[in-house]
Amino acid sequence: MAVIILGWQGWQEKLPRQPWAGIRTPYAMANDEQWRLVHRYGAPYLIFGGVAVFAGALAMLPFAIAGALPNAFAASVTIALAAILFVSAIVSWQKGVGGAKAELSR
């Protein structure tokens, strides 16, 4: 949920420039305009990744509560969800910085 909320705040331009949360590349941290643009372009990918991971975790929750998930399967799902979140963060960073650079070069 934290990733979804962070992405949403970045997309709505409500996430102030700070060193703790968001896409914190040197390019994004350079000034407020770049920070805003990086998050406007990168946030949808972060939101998508957060929603995918949250949905996957919720889908497994009843089975985990019932004790019907073998340990190897639960570990595989956890690794897959972490990979999805990692990839969405990388894509968010790349698309955000690329989109901001393209818009500022116009």
C-alpha atoms as a PDB file:
ATOM      1  CA  MET A   1       0.000   0.000   0.000  1.00  0.00           C
ATOM      2  CA  ALA A   2       2.865   2.385   0.738  1.00  0.00           C
ATOM      3  CA  VAL A   3       4.138   2.119  -2.842  1.00  0.00           C
ATOM      4  CA  ILE A   4       0.673   2.841  -4.217  1.00  0.00           C
ATOM      5  CA  ILE A   5       0.229   5.863  -1.950  1.00  0.00           C
ATOM      6  CA  LEU A   6       3.695   7.181  -2.794  1.00  0.00           C
ATOM      7  CA  GLY A   7       3.055   6.764  -6.505  1.00  0.00           C
ATOM      8  CA  TRP A   8      -0.324   8.437  -6.254  1.00  0.00           C
ATOM      9  CA  GLN A   9       1.064  11.424  -4.369  1.00  0.00           C
ATOM     10  CA  GLY A  10       3.857  11.769  -6.915  1.00  0.00           C
ATOM     11  CA  TRP A  11       1.409  11.591  -9.800  1.00  0.00           C
ATOM     12  CA  GLN A  12      -0.840  14.216  -8.190  1.00  0.00           C
ATOM     13  CA  GLU A  13       2.245  16.403  -7.578  1.00  0.00           C
ATOM     14  CA  LYS A  14       1.665  16.363  -3.811  1.00  0.00           C
ATOM     15  CA  LEU A  15       4.944  14.644  -2.939  1.00  0.00           C
ATOM     16  CA  PRO A  16       7.446  17.336  -1.946  1.00  0.00           C
ATOM     17  CA  ARG A  17      11.108  17.018  -2.860  1.00  0.00           C
ATOM     18  CA  GLN A  18      12.806  15.283   0.064  1.00  0.00           C
ATOM     19  CA  PRO A  19      15.483  12.596   0.553  1.00  0.00           C
ATOM     20  CA  TRP A  20      13.288   9.788   1.984  1.00  0.00           C
ATOM     21  CA  ALA A  21      10.606   8.796  -0.505  1.00  0.00           C
ATOM     22  CA  GLY A  22      10.032   8.941  -4.229  1.00  0.00           C
ATOM     23  CA  ILE A  23      12.306   8.706  -7.237  1.00  0.00           C
ATOM     24  CA  ARG A  24      15.475  10.114  -5.675  1.00  0.00           C
ATOM     25  CA  THR A  25      17.945  10.246  -8.536  1.00  0.00           C
ATOM     26  CA  PRO A  26      20.447  13.113  -8.774  1.00  0.00           C
ATOM     27  CA  TYR A  27      18.477  14.391 -11.776  1.00  0.00           C
ATOM     28  CA  ALA A  28      15.169  14.429  -9.871  1.00  0.00           C
ATOM     29  CA  MET A  29      16.723  16.001  -6.783  1.00  0.00           C
ATOM     30  CA  ALA A  30      18.300  18.866  -8.750  1.00  0.00           C
ATOM     31  CA  ASN A  31      15.262  21.171  -8.526  1.00  0.00           C
ATOM     32  CA  ASP A  32      11.535  21.186  -7.826  1.00  0.00           C
ATOM     33  CA  GLU A  33      10.475  21.283 -11.499  1.00  0.00           C
ATOM     34  CA  GLN A  34      12.527  18.195 -12.367  1.00  0.00           C
ATOM     35  CA  TRP A  35      11.241  16.419  -9.249  1.00  0.00           C
ATOM     36  CA  ARG A  36       7.643  17.165 -10.267  1.00  0.00           C
ATOM     37  CA  LEU A  37       8.107  16.007 -13.866  1.00  0.00           C
ATOM     38  CA  VAL A  38      10.013  12.830 -12.964  1.00  0.00           C
ATOM     39  CA  HIS A  39       7.195  11.795 -10.644  1.00  0.00           C
ATOM     40  CA  ARG A  40       4.451  12.742 -13.088  1.00  0.00           C
ATOM     41  CA  TYR A  41       5.947  10.451 -15.741  1.00  0.00           C
ATOM     42  CA  GLY A  42       7.200   7.675 -13.462  1.00  0.00           C
ATOM     43  CA  ALA A  43       4.355   7.372 -10.958  1.00  0.00           C
ATOM     44  CA  PRO A  44       1.917   5.348 -13.130  1.00  0.00           C
ATOM     45  CA  TYR A  45       4.459   2.515 -13.374  1.00  0.00           C
ATOM     46  CA  LEU A  46       5.013   2.591  -9.637  1.00  0.00           C
ATOM     47  CA  ILE A  47       1.265   2.544  -8.990  1.00  0.00           C
ATOM     48  CA  PHE A  48       0.810  -0.376 -11.399  1.00  0.00           C
ATOM     49  CA  GLY A  49       3.545  -2.372  -9.666  1.00  0.00           C
ATOM     50  CA  GLY A  50       2.113  -1.622  -6.239  1.00  0.00           C
ATOM     51  CA  VAL A  51      -1.391  -2.659  -7.292  1.00  0.00           C
ATOM     52  CA  ALA A  52      -0.078  -5.874  -8.889  1.00  0.00           C
ATOM     53  CA  VAL A  53       1.869  -6.834  -5.762  1.00  0.00           C
ATOM     54  CA  PHE A  54      -1.001  -5.924  -3.443  1.00  0.00           C
ATOM     55  CA  ALA A  55      -3.465  -7.961  -5.534  1.00  0.00           C
ATOM     56  CA  GLY A  56      -1.102 -10.925  -5.640  1.00  0.00           C
ATOM     57  CA  ALA A  57      -0.607 -10.806  -1.885  1.00  0.00           C
ATOM     58  CA  LEU A  58      -4.351 -10.547  -1.269  1.00  0.00           C
ATOM     59  CA  ALA A  59      -4.985 -13.499  -3.572  1.00  0.00           C
ATOM     60  CA  MET A  60      -2.623 -15.669  -1.529  1.00  0.00           C
ATOM     61  CA  LEU A  61      -3.852 -14.488   1.884  1.00  0.00           C
ATOM     62  CA  PRO A  62      -6.801 -16.916   2.319  1.00  0.00           C
ATOM     63  CA  PHE A  63      -4.608 -19.861   1.386  1.00  0.00           C
ATOM     64  CA  ALA A  64      -1.882 -18.736   3.782  1.00  0.00           C
ATOM     65  CA  ILE A  65      -4.389 -18.332   6.612  1.00  0.00           C
ATOM     66  CA  ALA A  66      -5.806 -21.802   5.927  1.00  0.00           C
ATOM     67  CA  GLY A  67      -2.303 -23.255   5.917  1.00  0.00           C
ATOM     68  CA  ALA A  68      -2.823 -24.619   2.403  1.00  0.00           C
ATOM     69  CA  LEU A  69       0.325 -23.110   0.877  1.00  0.00           C
ATOM     70  CA  PRO A  70       3.424 -25.291   0.736  1.00  0.00           C
ATOM     71  CA  ASN A  71       6.496 -23.430   1.959  1.00  0.00           C
ATOM     72  CA  ALA A  72       8.250 -23.644  -1.406  1.00  0.00           C
ATOM     73  CA  PHE A  73       5.240 -22.165  -3.201  1.00  0.00           C
ATOM     74  CA  ALA A  74       4.872 -19.367  -0.654  1.00  0.00           C
ATOM     75  CA  ALA A  75       8.570 -18.545  -1.042  1.00  0.00           C
ATOM     76  CA  SER A  76       8.220 -18.550  -4.834  1.00  0.00           C
ATOM     77  CA  VAL A  77       5.251 -16.191  -4.711  1.00  0.00           C
ATOM     78  CA  THR A  78       7.088 -13.874  -2.327  1.00  0.00           C
ATOM     79  CA  ILE A  79      10.127 -13.771  -4.606  1.00  0.00           C
ATOM     80  CA  ALA A  80       7.925 -13.163  -7.662  1.00  0.00           C
ATOM     81  CA  LEU A  81       6.081 -10.303  -5.946  1.00  0.00           C
ATOM     82  CA  ALA A  82       9.368  -8.740  -4.846  1.00  0.00           C
ATOM     83  CA  ALA A  83      10.663  -9.023  -8.425  1.00  0.00           C
ATOM     84  CA  ILE A  84       7.529  -7.317  -9.770  1.00  0.00           C
ATOM     85  CA  LEU A  85       7.961  -4.476  -7.292  1.00  0.00           C
ATOM     86  CA  PHE A  86      11.657  -4.140  -8.116  1.00  0.00           C
ATOM     87  CA  VAL A  87      11.059  -4.077 -11.872  1.00  0.00           C
ATOM     88  CA  SER A  88       8.251  -1.533 -11.534  1.00  0.00           C
ATOM     89  CA  ALA A  89      10.541   0.714  -9.473  1.00  0.00           C
ATOM     90  CA  ILE A  90      13.295   0.508 -12.106  1.00  0.00           C
ATOM     91  CA  VAL A  91      10.865   1.171 -14.968  1.00  0.00           C
ATOM     92  CA  SER A  92       9.324   4.047 -13.003  1.00  0.00           C
ATOM     93  CA  TRP A  93      12.751   5.572 -12.541  1.00  0.00           C
ATOM     94  CA  GLN A  94      13.723   5.178 -16.212  1.00  0.00           C
ATOM     95  CA  LYS A  95      10.405   6.399 -17.642  1.00  0.00           C
ATOM     96  CA  GLY A  96      10.225   9.248 -15.139  1.00  0.00           C
ATOM     97  CA  VAL A  97      13.672  10.627 -15.841  1.00  0.00           C
ATOM     98  CA  GLY A  98      13.310  10.041 -19.593  1.00  0.00           C
ATOM     99  CA  GLY A  99       9.921  11.767 -19.734  1.00  0.00           C
ATOM    100  CA  ALA A 100      11.110  14.715 -17.664  1.00  0.00           C
ATOM    101  CA  LYS A 101      14.226  15.184 -19.814  1.00  0.00           C
ATOM    102  CA  ALA A 102      12.129  15.006 -22.991  1.00  0.00           C
ATOM    103  CA  GLU A 103       9.645  17.579 -21.719  1.00  0.00           C
ATOM    104  CA  LEU A 104      12.296  19.972 -20.467  1.00  0.00           C
ATOM    105  CA  SER A 105      14.221  19.792 -23.747  1.00  0.00           C
ATOM    106  CA  ARG A 106      11.220  21.042 -25.746  1.00  0.00           C
END
